Amino acid sequence: MQGVDTSAAPVATVRSGRTLVGTAWLRIRRSRIAMAALAAVCLIVLFAILAPVLTGIEGSDPFTAHTGPDFLDGFTTPGLPLDYYRYPSSEHWLGLEPGLGRDIFARMAYGARVSLTIALLATVVSVVLGTVLGAAAGYFGGKTDMVISRIMDLFLAFPHLLLVLSLTPILQSRLRGTALDSGSLIPISSLVIILGFFGWAYLARVVRGQVLSIREQEYVEAAKAFGASRRSIILKQIIPNVLGVVLVYATMLIPINITSEAALSFLGVGVKDPTPSWGQMLNAAQAGNWYLSDPWFLAVPAGALAITVLAFNLLGDAVRDALDPKASRR
């Protein structure tokens, strides 16, 4: 009887298991829309971070005015940039704004810094408050759950925009004379506090529902049996298992905060001139009726705002789908 030649037999390989993050990243990479959105978000963030470098290459800054007759038309349409400076040119990459003749590209770059900073910091505040309070309500239950849940209901019941509109000027007046009363820190800080403080309730409700299910799992009961403290269980067992939901909510909240900052600045209670922000530029285009004679001045910040919000929303949808435990793990 001849021996069996096993040299050509296929060798079984054990496929290493992927982590949740690894699986999510693989799914995102397979989606062209998700990768395009991620690329757009990265470019927008780099545009904001590299604002001093880019404006240095262009040779402009967001505050210098060009009001002479070589730049602005002082006859038929006072304050309107001359044709060469109204649209992109080699000297001013996005042209000059009407009225003061400041460089639009420089104000867009530095405005991206302000708008993204407010949106990101406000998102961090909302995420921290929502995660901690939601986890506490779901895990402890009883009176703690009742109190936090009623506070959630109270925050969700008020009309968000009207509440923010009324409280932002009050907070800004309260911050005057404090350590934040320097430059543009007061409007930026007030928007971060207001948007962050009133944006946590929905996340807290979602986290609470997740924790109510997680706290009954075997590994949580095992941690209790081994004598783990409540703080340890919440930080090491509960919160890591709701990070997927938190991450999805954060990616969805960033564009909401961007549009909220733009809306508040547009309505005159947010960032004010000369500090650049995309909402403030929209306000300037509307306040001087420049959008009628120079629609380019309105189109640039409006287009950037629309692209940014769309990119973050598409990325948020992709992250939500990638972290969906019901999806197939291929």
C-alpha atoms as a PDB file:
ATOM      1  CA  MET A   1       0.000   0.000   0.000  1.00  0.00           C
ATOM      2  CA  GLN A   2       1.465   3.256  -1.110  1.00  0.00           C
ATOM      3  CA  GLY A   3       1.723   6.156   1.320  1.00  0.00           C
ATOM      4  CA  VAL A   4      -0.393   9.226   0.827  1.00  0.00           C
ATOM      5  CA  ASP A   5       1.448  12.238  -0.521  1.00  0.00           C
ATOM      6  CA  THR A   6       0.403  15.162   1.625  1.00  0.00           C
ATOM      7  CA  SER A   7       2.804  17.697   0.163  1.00  0.00           C
ATOM      8  CA  ALA A   8       0.136  19.120  -2.152  1.00  0.00           C
ATOM      9  CA  ALA A   9      -2.690  19.048   0.372  1.00  0.00           C
ATOM     10  CA  PRO A  10      -4.141  22.472   1.123  1.00  0.00           C
ATOM     11  CA  VAL A  11      -3.023  23.924   4.397  1.00  0.00           C
ATOM     12  CA  ALA A  12      -5.864  25.162   6.557  1.00  0.00           C
ATOM     13  CA  THR A  13      -5.353  28.696   7.681  1.00  0.00           C
ATOM     14  CA  VAL A  14      -7.016  30.324  10.604  1.00  0.00           C
ATOM     15  CA  ARG A  15      -8.424  33.666   9.705  1.00  0.00           C
ATOM     16  CA  SER A  16      -7.592  36.127  12.374  1.00  0.00           C
ATOM     17  CA  GLY A  17     -10.620  37.779  13.899  1.00  0.00           C
ATOM     18  CA  ARG A  18     -11.118  41.444  13.270  1.00  0.00           C
ATOM     19  CA  THR A  19     -11.894  43.972  15.903  1.00  0.00           C
ATOM     20  CA  LEU A  20     -14.996  46.130  15.617  1.00  0.00           C
ATOM     21  CA  VAL A  21     -12.891  49.093  14.541  1.00  0.00           C
ATOM     22  CA  GLY A  22     -11.006  47.012  11.986  1.00  0.00           C
ATOM     23  CA  THR A  23     -14.227  45.651  10.514  1.00  0.00           C
ATOM     24  CA  ALA A  24     -15.740  49.136  10.395  1.00  0.00           C
ATOM     25  CA  TRP A  25     -12.691  50.546   8.633  1.00  0.00           C
ATOM     26  CA  LEU A  26     -12.797  47.721   6.069  1.00  0.00           C
ATOM     27  CA  ARG A  27     -16.438  48.506   5.307  1.00  0.00           C
ATOM     28  CA  ILE A  28     -15.724  52.211   4.970  1.00  0.00           C
ATOM     29  CA  ARG A  29     -12.847  51.491   2.569  1.00  0.00           C
ATOM     30  CA  ARG A  30     -15.172  49.441   0.379  1.00  0.00           C
ATOM     31  CA  SER A  31     -17.574  52.360  -0.042  1.00  0.00           C
ATOM     32  CA  ARG A  32     -16.592  54.965  -2.620  1.00  0.00           C
ATOM     33  CA  ILE A  33     -19.029  57.482  -1.157  1.00  0.00           C
ATOM     34  CA  ALA A  34     -17.603  56.984   2.341  1.00  0.00           C
ATOM     35  CA  MET A  35     -14.020  57.379   1.141  1.00  0.00           C
ATOM     36  CA  ALA A  36     -14.934  60.476  -0.870  1.00  0.00           C
ATOM     37  CA  ALA A  37     -16.624  61.972   2.203  1.00  0.00           C
ATOM     38  CA  LEU A  38     -13.615  61.094   4.378  1.00  0.00           C
ATOM     39  CA  ALA A  39     -11.255  62.683   1.848  1.00  0.00           C
ATOM     40  CA  ALA A  40     -13.401  65.834   1.747  1.00  0.00           C
ATOM     41  CA  VAL A  41     -13.463  66.059   5.560  1.00  0.00           C
ATOM     42  CA  CYS A  42      -9.678  65.622   5.728  1.00  0.00           C
ATOM     43  CA  LEU A  43      -9.148  68.336   3.111  1.00  0.00           C
ATOM     44  CA  ILE A  44     -11.451  70.740   4.962  1.00  0.00           C
ATOM     45  CA  VAL A  45      -9.652  70.100   8.252  1.00  0.00           C
ATOM     46  CA  LEU A  46      -6.255  70.556   6.585  1.00  0.00           C
ATOM     47  CA  PHE A  47      -7.530  73.760   4.970  1.00  0.00           C
ATOM     48  CA  ALA A  48      -8.321  75.097   8.440  1.00  0.00           C
ATOM     49  CA  ILE A  49      -5.109  73.876  10.086  1.00  0.00           C
ATOM     50  CA  LEU A  50      -2.879  75.205   7.318  1.00  0.00           C
ATOM     51  CA  ALA A  51      -4.635  78.587   7.098  1.00  0.00           C
ATOM     52  CA  PRO A  52      -1.486  80.596   8.078  1.00  0.00           C
ATOM     53  CA  VAL A  53       0.627  78.674   5.556  1.00  0.00           C
ATOM     54  CA  LEU A  54      -1.863  78.980   2.696  1.00  0.00           C
ATOM     55  CA  THR A  55      -2.516  82.676   3.254  1.00  0.00           C
ATOM     56  CA  GLY A  56       1.233  83.234   3.543  1.00  0.00           C
ATOM     57  CA  ILE A  57       1.709  81.635   0.115  1.00  0.00           C
ATOM     58  CA  GLU A  58      -1.068  83.795  -1.296  1.00  0.00           C
ATOM     59  CA  GLY A  59       0.375  86.865   0.421  1.00  0.00           C
ATOM     60  CA  SER A  60      -2.790  88.041   2.164  1.00  0.00           C
ATOM     61  CA  ASP A  61      -4.388  88.041   5.585  1.00  0.00           C
ATOM     62  CA  PRO A  62      -8.048  88.122   6.719  1.00  0.00           C
ATOM     63  CA  PHE A  63      -7.967  91.646   8.167  1.00  0.00           C
ATOM     64  CA  THR A  64      -6.153  93.930   5.707  1.00  0.00           C
ATOM     65  CA  ALA A  65      -8.582  96.154   3.788  1.00  0.00           C
ATOM     66  CA  HIS A  66      -8.081  97.200   0.173  1.00  0.00           C
ATOM     67  CA  THR A  67     -10.282 100.255  -0.217  1.00  0.00           C
ATOM     68  CA  GLY A  68      -8.384 102.311  -2.768  1.00  0.00           C
ATOM     69  CA  PRO A  69      -9.620 103.055  -6.296  1.00  0.00           C
ATOM     70  CA  ASP A  70      -7.264 100.381  -7.612  1.00  0.00           C
ATOM     71  CA  PHE A  71      -9.365  97.724  -5.883  1.00  0.00           C
ATOM     72  CA  LEU A  72     -12.922  99.002  -5.357  1.00  0.00           C
ATOM     73  CA  ASP A  73     -15.274 100.822  -7.668  1.00  0.00           C
ATOM     74  CA  GLY A  74     -16.047 104.165  -6.036  1.00  0.00           C
ATOM     75  CA  PHE A  75     -18.234 105.570  -8.763  1.00  0.00           C
ATOM     76  CA  THR A  76     -21.169 103.613 -10.169  1.00  0.00           C
ATOM     77  CA  THR A  77     -21.325 100.957  -7.420  1.00  0.00           C
ATOM     78  CA  PRO A  78     -19.402 102.207  -4.371  1.00  0.00           C
ATOM     79  CA  GLY A  79     -17.548  99.472  -2.549  1.00  0.00           C
ATOM     80  CA  LEU A  80     -17.930  96.820  -5.219  1.00  0.00           C
ATOM     81  CA  PRO A  81     -14.608  95.180  -6.230  1.00  0.00           C
ATOM     82  CA  LEU A  82     -13.332  95.887  -9.709  1.00  0.00           C
ATOM     83  CA  ASP A  83     -13.894  93.106 -12.220  1.00  0.00           C
ATOM     84  CA  TYR A  84     -10.349  91.766 -11.842  1.00  0.00           C
ATOM     85  CA  TYR A  85     -10.696  91.461  -8.056  1.00  0.00           C
ATOM     86  CA  ARG A  86     -14.322  90.387  -7.884  1.00  0.00           C
ATOM     87  CA  TYR A  87     -13.537  86.794  -8.865  1.00  0.00           C
ATOM     88  CA  PRO A  88     -10.522  84.482  -8.385  1.00  0.00           C
ATOM     89  CA  SER A  89      -7.232  85.883  -9.616  1.00  0.00           C
ATOM     90  CA  SER A  90      -3.523  85.200  -9.201  1.00  0.00           C
ATOM     91  CA  GLU A  91      -3.230  87.883  -6.487  1.00  0.00           C
ATOM     92  CA  HIS A  92      -6.402  87.041  -4.576  1.00  0.00           C
ATOM     93  CA  TRP A  93      -7.372  83.410  -5.075  1.00  0.00           C
ATOM     94  CA  LEU A  94     -11.057  83.924  -4.309  1.00  0.00           C
ATOM     95  CA  GLY A  95     -11.268  87.642  -4.997  1.00  0.00           C
ATOM     96  CA  LEU A  96     -11.974  90.514  -2.616  1.00  0.00           C
ATOM     97  CA  GLU A  97     -15.066  91.100  -0.543  1.00  0.00           C
ATOM     98  CA  PRO A  98     -17.166  94.202  -1.291  1.00  0.00           C
ATOM     99  CA  GLY A  99     -17.122  97.141   1.078  1.00  0.00           C
ATOM    100  CA  LEU A 100     -13.784  96.652   2.829  1.00  0.00           C
ATOM    101  CA  GLY A 101     -11.950  94.762   0.109  1.00  0.00           C
ATOM    102  CA  ARG A 102     -10.571  92.059   2.404  1.00  0.00           C
ATOM    103  CA  ASP A 103      -9.250  88.852   0.878  1.00  0.00           C
ATOM    104  CA  ILE A 104     -12.025  86.222   0.667  1.00  0.00           C
ATOM    105  CA  PHE A 105      -9.639  83.258   0.577  1.00  0.00           C
ATOM    106  CA  ALA A 106      -7.884  84.355   3.771  1.00  0.00           C
ATOM    107  CA  ARG A 107     -11.196  84.924   5.542  1.00  0.00           C
ATOM    108  CA  MET A 108     -12.482  81.558   4.353  1.00  0.00           C
ATOM    109  CA  ALA A 109      -9.372  79.777   5.647  1.00  0.00           C
ATOM    110  CA  TYR A 110      -9.404  81.450   9.050  1.00  0.00           C
ATOM    111  CA  GLY A 111     -13.194  81.235   9.140  1.00  0.00           C
ATOM    112  CA  ALA A 112     -12.913  77.465   8.692  1.00  0.00           C
ATOM    113  CA  ARG A 113     -10.718  77.407  11.790  1.00  0.00           C
ATOM    114  CA  VAL A 114     -13.291  79.282  13.846  1.00  0.00           C
ATOM    115  CA  SER A 115     -16.312  77.336  12.579  1.00  0.00           C
ATOM    116  CA  LEU A 116     -14.690  73.900  12.963  1.00  0.00           C
ATOM    117  CA  THR A 117     -13.235  74.757  16.375  1.00  0.00           C
ATOM    118  CA  ILE A 118     -16.642  75.773  17.707  1.00  0.00           C
ATOM    119  CA  ALA A 119     -18.325  72.713  16.190  1.00  0.00           C
ATOM    120  CA  LEU A 120     -15.726  70.224  17.446  1.00  0.00           C
ATOM    121  CA  LEU A 121     -15.459  71.638  20.974  1.00  0.00           C
ATOM    122  CA  ALA A 122     -19.245  71.852  21.315  1.00  0.00           C
ATOM    123  CA  THR A 123     -19.492  68.244  20.122  1.00  0.00           C
ATOM    124  CA  VAL A 124     -16.945  67.150  22.732  1.00  0.00           C
ATOM    125  CA  VAL A 125     -18.947  68.871  25.480  1.00  0.00           C
ATOM    126  CA  SER A 126     -22.204  67.257  24.334  1.00  0.00           C
ATOM    127  CA  VAL A 127     -20.642  63.811  23.929  1.00  0.00           C
ATOM    128  CA  VAL A 128     -19.018  63.842  27.379  1.00  0.00           C
ATOM    129  CA  LEU A 129     -22.188  65.048  29.120  1.00  0.00           C
ATOM    130  CA  GLY A 130     -24.473  62.718  27.151  1.00  0.00           C
ATOM    131  CA  THR A 131     -22.301  59.636  27.637  1.00  0.00           C
ATOM    132  CA  VAL A 132     -21.702  60.139  31.361  1.00  0.00           C
ATOM    133  CA  LEU A 133     -25.268  61.106  32.270  1.00  0.00           C
ATOM    134  CA  GLY A 134     -26.834  58.474  30.005  1.00  0.00           C
ATOM    135  CA  ALA A 135     -24.596  55.745  31.397  1.00  0.00           C
ATOM    136  CA  ALA A 136     -25.337  56.829  34.981  1.00  0.00           C
ATOM    137  CA  ALA A 137     -29.096  56.868  34.357  1.00  0.00           C
ATOM    138  CA  GLY A 138     -29.093  53.446  32.720  1.00  0.00           C
ATOM    139  CA  TYR A 139     -26.780  51.716  35.170  1.00  0.00           C
ATOM    140  CA  PHE A 140     -27.942  53.081  38.527  1.00  0.00           C
ATOM    141  CA  GLY A 141     -31.662  53.263  37.716  1.00  0.00           C
ATOM    142  CA  GLY A 142     -34.110  54.277  40.442  1.00  0.00           C
ATOM    143  CA  LYS A 143     -34.138  57.918  41.497  1.00  0.00           C
ATOM    144  CA  THR A 144     -30.960  58.663  39.553  1.00  0.00           C
ATOM    145  CA  ASP A 145     -32.600  57.459  36.352  1.00  0.00           C
ATOM    146  CA  MET A 146     -35.794  59.365  37.107  1.00  0.00           C
ATOM    147  CA  VAL A 147     -34.024  62.690  37.753  1.00  0.00           C
ATOM    148  CA  ILE A 148     -31.724  62.467  34.723  1.00  0.00           C
ATOM    149  CA  SER A 149     -34.568  61.298  32.464  1.00  0.00           C
ATOM    150  CA  ARG A 150     -36.757  64.216  33.474  1.00  0.00           C
ATOM    151  CA  ILE A 151     -33.884  66.614  32.768  1.00  0.00           C
ATOM    152  CA  MET A 152     -33.506  64.989  29.337  1.00  0.00           C
ATOM    153  CA  ASP A 153     -37.211  65.479  28.662  1.00  0.00           C
ATOM    154  CA  LEU A 154     -36.939  69.112  29.725  1.00  0.00           C
ATOM    155  CA  PHE A 155     -34.021  69.797  27.385  1.00  0.00           C
ATOM    156  CA  LEU A 156     -35.689  67.994  24.483  1.00  0.00           C
ATOM    157  CA  ALA A 157     -38.999  69.817  25.011  1.00  0.00           C
ATOM    158  CA  PHE A 158     -37.659  73.352  24.499  1.00  0.00           C
ATOM    159  CA  PRO A 159     -37.268  74.742  20.951  1.00  0.00           C
ATOM    160  CA  HIS A 160     -33.517  74.532  20.546  1.00  0.00           C
ATOM    161  CA  LEU A 161     -32.886  77.495  18.253  1.00  0.00           C
ATOM    162  CA  LEU A 162     -35.048  79.951  20.186  1.00  0.00           C
ATOM    163  CA  LEU A 163     -33.430  78.920  23.456  1.00  0.00           C
ATOM    164  CA  VAL A 164     -29.918  79.334  22.063  1.00  0.00           C
ATOM    165  CA  LEU A 165     -30.813  82.677  20.473  1.00  0.00           C
ATOM    166  CA  SER A 166     -32.078  84.055  23.764  1.00  0.00           C
ATOM    167  CA  LEU A 167     -29.322  82.703  26.009  1.00  0.00           C
ATOM    168  CA  THR A 168     -26.244  83.407  23.855  1.00  0.00           C
ATOM    169  CA  PRO A 169     -26.299  87.245  24.313  1.00  0.00           C
ATOM    170  CA  ILE A 170     -26.899  86.798  28.059  1.00  0.00           C
ATOM    171  CA  LEU A 171     -23.924  84.451  28.390  1.00  0.00           C
ATOM    172  CA  GLN A 172     -21.710  86.768  26.344  1.00  0.00           C
ATOM    173  CA  SER A 173     -22.500  89.669  28.664  1.00  0.00           C
ATOM    174  CA  ARG A 174     -21.737  87.479  31.686  1.00  0.00           C
ATOM    175  CA  LEU A 175     -18.339  86.519  30.246  1.00  0.00           C
ATOM    176  CA  ARG A 176     -17.218  90.120  29.917  1.00  0.00           C
ATOM    177  CA  GLY A 177     -14.640  91.031  32.512  1.00  0.00           C
ATOM    178  CA  THR A 178     -13.536  87.392  32.916  1.00  0.00           C
ATOM    179  CA  ALA A 179     -10.391  85.651  31.683  1.00  0.00           C
ATOM    180  CA  LEU A 180     -12.182  84.957  28.387  1.00  0.00           C
ATOM    181  CA  ASP A 181     -12.680  88.673  27.684  1.00  0.00           C
ATOM    182  CA  SER A 182      -9.913  88.821  25.108  1.00  0.00           C
ATOM    183  CA  GLY A 183     -10.223  89.218  21.358  1.00  0.00           C
ATOM    184  CA  SER A 184     -12.866  86.916  19.938  1.00  0.00           C
ATOM    185  CA  LEU A 185     -12.831  84.435  22.827  1.00  0.00           C
ATOM    186  CA  ILE A 186     -16.175  85.580  24.244  1.00  0.00           C
ATOM    187  CA  PRO A 187     -18.347  84.744  21.205  1.00  0.00           C
ATOM    188  CA  ILE A 188     -16.422  81.537  20.525  1.00  0.00           C
ATOM    189  CA  SER A 189     -16.580  80.387  24.150  1.00  0.00           C
ATOM    190  CA  SER A 190     -20.244  81.284  24.488  1.00  0.00           C
ATOM    191  CA  LEU A 191     -21.160  79.298  21.383  1.00  0.00           C
ATOM    192  CA  VAL A 192     -19.170  76.280  22.578  1.00  0.00           C
ATOM    193  CA  ILE A 193     -20.867  76.374  25.984  1.00  0.00           C
ATOM    194  CA  ILE A 194     -24.384  76.961  24.661  1.00  0.00           C
ATOM    195  CA  LEU A 195     -24.261  74.464  21.786  1.00  0.00           C
ATOM    196  CA  GLY A 196     -22.475  71.860  23.890  1.00  0.00           C
ATOM    197  CA  PHE A 197     -24.724  72.218  26.907  1.00  0.00           C
ATOM    198  CA  PHE A 198     -27.955  71.943  24.934  1.00  0.00           C
ATOM    199  CA  GLY A 199     -26.821  69.125  22.642  1.00  0.00           C
ATOM    200  CA  TRP A 200     -26.328  66.230  25.055  1.00  0.00           C
ATOM    201  CA  ALA A 201     -29.892  65.148  25.837  1.00  0.00           C
ATOM    202  CA  TYR A 202     -30.592  63.018  22.747  1.00  0.00           C
ATOM    203  CA  LEU A 203     -27.284  61.145  23.065  1.00  0.00           C
ATOM    204  CA  ALA A 204     -27.930  60.577  26.774  1.00  0.00           C
ATOM    205  CA  ARG A 205     -31.294  58.989  25.972  1.00  0.00           C
ATOM    206  CA  VAL A 206     -29.717  56.654  23.397  1.00  0.00           C
ATOM    207  CA  VAL A 207     -26.850  55.720  25.732  1.00  0.00           C
ATOM    208  CA  ARG A 208     -29.307  55.084  28.575  1.00  0.00           C
ATOM    209  CA  GLY A 209     -31.223  52.610  26.425  1.00  0.00           C
ATOM    210  CA  GLN A 210     -28.014  50.801  25.470  1.00  0.00           C
ATOM    211  CA  VAL A 211     -26.819  50.625  29.075  1.00  0.00           C
ATOM    212  CA  LEU A 212     -30.133  49.193  30.272  1.00  0.00           C
ATOM    213  CA  SER A 213     -29.437  46.218  28.008  1.00  0.00           C
ATOM    214  CA  ILE A 214     -25.693  45.963  28.640  1.00  0.00           C
ATOM    215  CA  ARG A 215     -25.925  45.955  32.434  1.00  0.00           C
ATOM    216  CA  GLU A 216     -27.758  42.603  32.310  1.00  0.00           C
ATOM    217  CA  GLN A 217     -25.016  40.892  30.281  1.00  0.00           C
ATOM    218  CA  GLU A 218     -22.954  38.053  31.750  1.00  0.00           C
ATOM    219  CA  TYR A 219     -19.636  39.882  31.686  1.00  0.00           C
ATOM    220  CA  VAL A 220     -21.101  42.711  33.779  1.00  0.00           C
ATOM    221  CA  GLU A 221     -22.461  40.201  36.298  1.00  0.00           C
ATOM    222  CA  ALA A 222     -19.051  38.495  36.338  1.00  0.00           C
ATOM    223  CA  ALA A 223     -17.342  41.809  37.084  1.00  0.00           C
ATOM    224  CA  LYS A 224     -19.739  42.357  39.978  1.00  0.00           C
ATOM    225  CA  ALA A 225     -19.014  38.841  41.292  1.00  0.00           C
ATOM    226  CA  PHE A 226     -15.292  39.557  41.271  1.00  0.00           C
ATOM    227  CA  GLY A 227     -15.885  42.644  43.415  1.00  0.00           C
ATOM    228  CA  ALA A 228     -15.397  45.361  40.813  1.00  0.00           C
ATOM    229  CA  SER A 229     -16.609  48.779  41.912  1.00  0.00           C
ATOM    230  CA  ARG A 230     -19.474  50.571  40.165  1.00  0.00           C
ATOM    231  CA  ARG A 231     -17.068  53.148  38.807  1.00  0.00           C
ATOM    232  CA  SER A 232     -14.843  50.427  37.372  1.00  0.00           C
ATOM    233  CA  ILE A 233     -17.793  48.623  35.784  1.00  0.00           C
ATOM    234  CA  ILE A 234     -19.090  51.831  34.165  1.00  0.00           C
ATOM    235  CA  LEU A 235     -15.672  52.900  32.855  1.00  0.00           C
ATOM    236  CA  LYS A 236     -14.347  49.480  31.796  1.00  0.00           C
ATOM    237  CA  GLN A 237     -17.446  47.443  30.948  1.00  0.00           C
ATOM    238  CA  ILE A 238     -20.299  49.808  30.110  1.00  0.00           C
ATOM    239  CA  ILE A 239     -18.866  52.827  28.325  1.00  0.00           C
ATOM    240  CA  PRO A 240     -16.508  50.882  25.966  1.00  0.00           C
ATOM    241  CA  ASN A 241     -19.551  48.974  24.704  1.00  0.00           C
ATOM    242  CA  VAL A 242     -21.487  52.136  23.816  1.00  0.00           C
ATOM    243  CA  LEU A 243     -18.600  53.897  22.082  1.00  0.00           C
ATOM    244  CA  GLY A 244     -19.923  52.805  18.693  1.00  0.00           C
ATOM    245  CA  VAL A 245     -23.193  54.649  19.282  1.00  0.00           C
ATOM    246  CA  VAL A 246     -21.311  57.639  20.697  1.00  0.00           C
ATOM    247  CA  LEU A 247     -18.997  57.804  17.673  1.00  0.00           C
ATOM    248  CA  VAL A 248     -21.901  57.708  15.247  1.00  0.00           C
ATOM    249  CA  TYR A 249     -23.718  60.453  17.157  1.00  0.00           C
ATOM    250  CA  ALA A 250     -20.563  62.596  17.276  1.00  0.00           C
ATOM    251  CA  THR A 251     -20.096  62.411  13.505  1.00  0.00           C
ATOM    252  CA  MET A 252     -23.739  63.433  13.078  1.00  0.00           C
ATOM    253  CA  LEU A 253     -23.527  66.239  15.660  1.00  0.00           C
ATOM    254  CA  ILE A 254     -20.513  67.986  14.118  1.00  0.00           C
ATOM    255  CA  PRO A 255     -22.387  69.175  10.984  1.00  0.00           C
ATOM    256  CA  ILE A 256     -25.357  70.167  13.161  1.00  0.00           C
ATOM    257  CA  ASN A 257     -23.062  72.369  15.250  1.00  0.00           C
ATOM    258  CA  ILE A 258     -21.439  73.806  12.121  1.00  0.00           C
ATOM    259  CA  THR A 259     -24.812  74.886  10.764  1.00  0.00           C
ATOM    260  CA  SER A 260     -25.891  76.124  14.212  1.00  0.00           C
ATOM    261  CA  GLU A 261     -22.799  78.319  14.481  1.00  0.00           C
ATOM    262  CA  ALA A 262     -23.393  79.628  10.975  1.00  0.00           C
ATOM    263  CA  ALA A 263     -27.048  80.329  11.739  1.00  0.00           C
ATOM    264  CA  LEU A 264     -26.251  82.163  14.986  1.00  0.00           C
ATOM    265  CA  SER A 265     -23.484  84.206  13.362  1.00  0.00           C
ATOM    266  CA  PHE A 266     -25.794  84.946  10.434  1.00  0.00           C
ATOM    267  CA  LEU A 267     -28.448  86.180  12.895  1.00  0.00           C
ATOM    268  CA  GLY A 268     -25.889  88.405  14.623  1.00  0.00           C
ATOM    269  CA  VAL A 269     -25.552  86.669  18.002  1.00  0.00           C
ATOM    270  CA  GLY A 270     -22.515  84.522  17.188  1.00  0.00           C
ATOM    271  CA  VAL A 271     -19.096  85.432  15.833  1.00  0.00           C
ATOM    272  CA  LYS A 272     -18.909  89.096  14.869  1.00  0.00           C
ATOM    273  CA  ASP A 273     -16.776  91.085  12.462  1.00  0.00           C
ATOM    274  CA  PRO A 274     -13.787  91.356  12.145  1.00  0.00           C
ATOM    275  CA  THR A 275     -13.382  87.756  13.372  1.00  0.00           C
ATOM    276  CA  PRO A 276     -13.960  85.598  10.300  1.00  0.00           C
ATOM    277  CA  SER A 277     -16.356  82.671  10.263  1.00  0.00           C
ATOM    278  CA  TRP A 278     -18.479  81.256   7.482  1.00  0.00           C
ATOM    279  CA  GLY A 279     -21.668  82.318   9.220  1.00  0.00           C
ATOM    280  CA  GLN A 280     -20.318  85.829   9.774  1.00  0.00           C
ATOM    281  CA  MET A 281     -19.450  86.082   6.067  1.00  0.00           C
ATOM    282  CA  LEU A 282     -23.004  85.077   5.174  1.00  0.00           C
ATOM    283  CA  ASN A 283     -24.249  87.745   7.557  1.00  0.00           C
ATOM    284  CA  ALA A 284     -22.007  90.354   5.917  1.00  0.00           C
ATOM    285  CA  ALA A 285     -23.288  89.415   2.452  1.00  0.00           C
ATOM    286  CA  GLN A 286     -26.876  89.784   3.618  1.00  0.00           C
ATOM    287  CA  ALA A 287     -26.455  92.862   5.819  1.00  0.00           C
ATOM    288  CA  GLY A 288     -25.025  95.004   3.041  1.00  0.00           C
ATOM    289  CA  ASN A 289     -27.241  93.513   0.328  1.00  0.00           C
ATOM    290  CA  TRP A 290     -24.025  92.550  -1.434  1.00  0.00           C
ATOM    291  CA  TYR A 291     -25.590  89.286  -2.569  1.00  0.00           C
ATOM    292  CA  LEU A 292     -27.572  91.305  -5.137  1.00  0.00           C
ATOM    293  CA  SER A 293     -24.619  93.034  -6.806  1.00  0.00           C
ATOM    294  CA  ASP A 294     -21.867  90.529  -5.918  1.00  0.00           C
ATOM    295  CA  PRO A 295     -23.387  87.032  -5.581  1.00  0.00           C
ATOM    296  CA  TRP A 296     -19.896  85.482  -5.587  1.00  0.00           C
ATOM    297  CA  PHE A 297     -19.335  86.890  -2.080  1.00  0.00           C
ATOM    298  CA  LEU A 298     -22.352  84.907  -0.868  1.00  0.00           C
ATOM    299  CA  ALA A 299     -21.726  81.800  -2.974  1.00  0.00           C
ATOM    300  CA  VAL A 300     -18.244  81.076  -1.602  1.00  0.00           C
ATOM    301  CA  PRO A 301     -19.085  80.652   2.126  1.00  0.00           C
ATOM    302  CA  ALA A 302     -22.486  79.143   1.327  1.00  0.00           C
ATOM    303  CA  GLY A 303     -20.890  76.567  -0.988  1.00  0.00           C
ATOM    304  CA  ALA A 304     -18.162  75.732   1.529  1.00  0.00           C
ATOM    305  CA  LEU A 305     -20.765  75.330   4.266  1.00  0.00           C
ATOM    306  CA  ALA A 306     -22.915  73.052   2.096  1.00  0.00           C
ATOM    307  CA  ILE A 307     -19.963  70.868   1.061  1.00  0.00           C
ATOM    308  CA  THR A 308     -18.697  70.577   4.647  1.00  0.00           C
ATOM    309  CA  VAL A 309     -22.081  69.625   6.084  1.00  0.00           C
ATOM    310  CA  LEU A 310     -22.710  67.137   3.264  1.00  0.00           C
ATOM    311  CA  ALA A 311     -19.285  65.526   3.733  1.00  0.00           C
ATOM    312  CA  PHE A 312     -19.734  65.131   7.492  1.00  0.00           C
ATOM    313  CA  ASN A 313     -23.271  63.768   7.047  1.00  0.00           C
ATOM    314  CA  LEU A 314     -22.161  61.208   4.475  1.00  0.00           C
ATOM    315  CA  LEU A 315     -19.257  60.203   6.706  1.00  0.00           C
ATOM    316  CA  GLY A 316     -21.630  59.871   9.659  1.00  0.00           C
ATOM    317  CA  ASP A 317     -23.938  57.635   7.619  1.00  0.00           C
ATOM    318  CA  ALA A 318     -20.957  55.502   6.606  1.00  0.00           C
ATOM    319  CA  VAL A 319     -19.740  55.156  10.205  1.00  0.00           C
ATOM    320  CA  ARG A 320     -23.245  54.227  11.345  1.00  0.00           C
ATOM    321  CA  ASP A 321     -23.531  51.515   8.688  1.00  0.00           C
ATOM    322  CA  ALA A 322     -19.995  50.255   9.353  1.00  0.00           C
ATOM    323  CA  LEU A 323     -20.627  49.880  13.080  1.00  0.00           C
ATOM    324  CA  ASP A 324     -24.028  48.209  12.622  1.00  0.00           C
ATOM    325  CA  PRO A 325     -23.755  44.824  14.406  1.00  0.00           C
ATOM    326  CA  LYS A 326     -26.562  43.403  12.248  1.00  0.00           C
ATOM    327  CA  ALA A 327     -24.548  43.872   9.069  1.00  0.00           C
ATOM    328  CA  SER A 328     -22.677  40.920   7.648  1.00  0.00           C
ATOM    329  CA  ARG A 329     -19.048  40.559   8.738  1.00  0.00           C
ATOM    330  CA  ARG A 330     -17.325  39.844   5.447  1.00  0.00           C
END
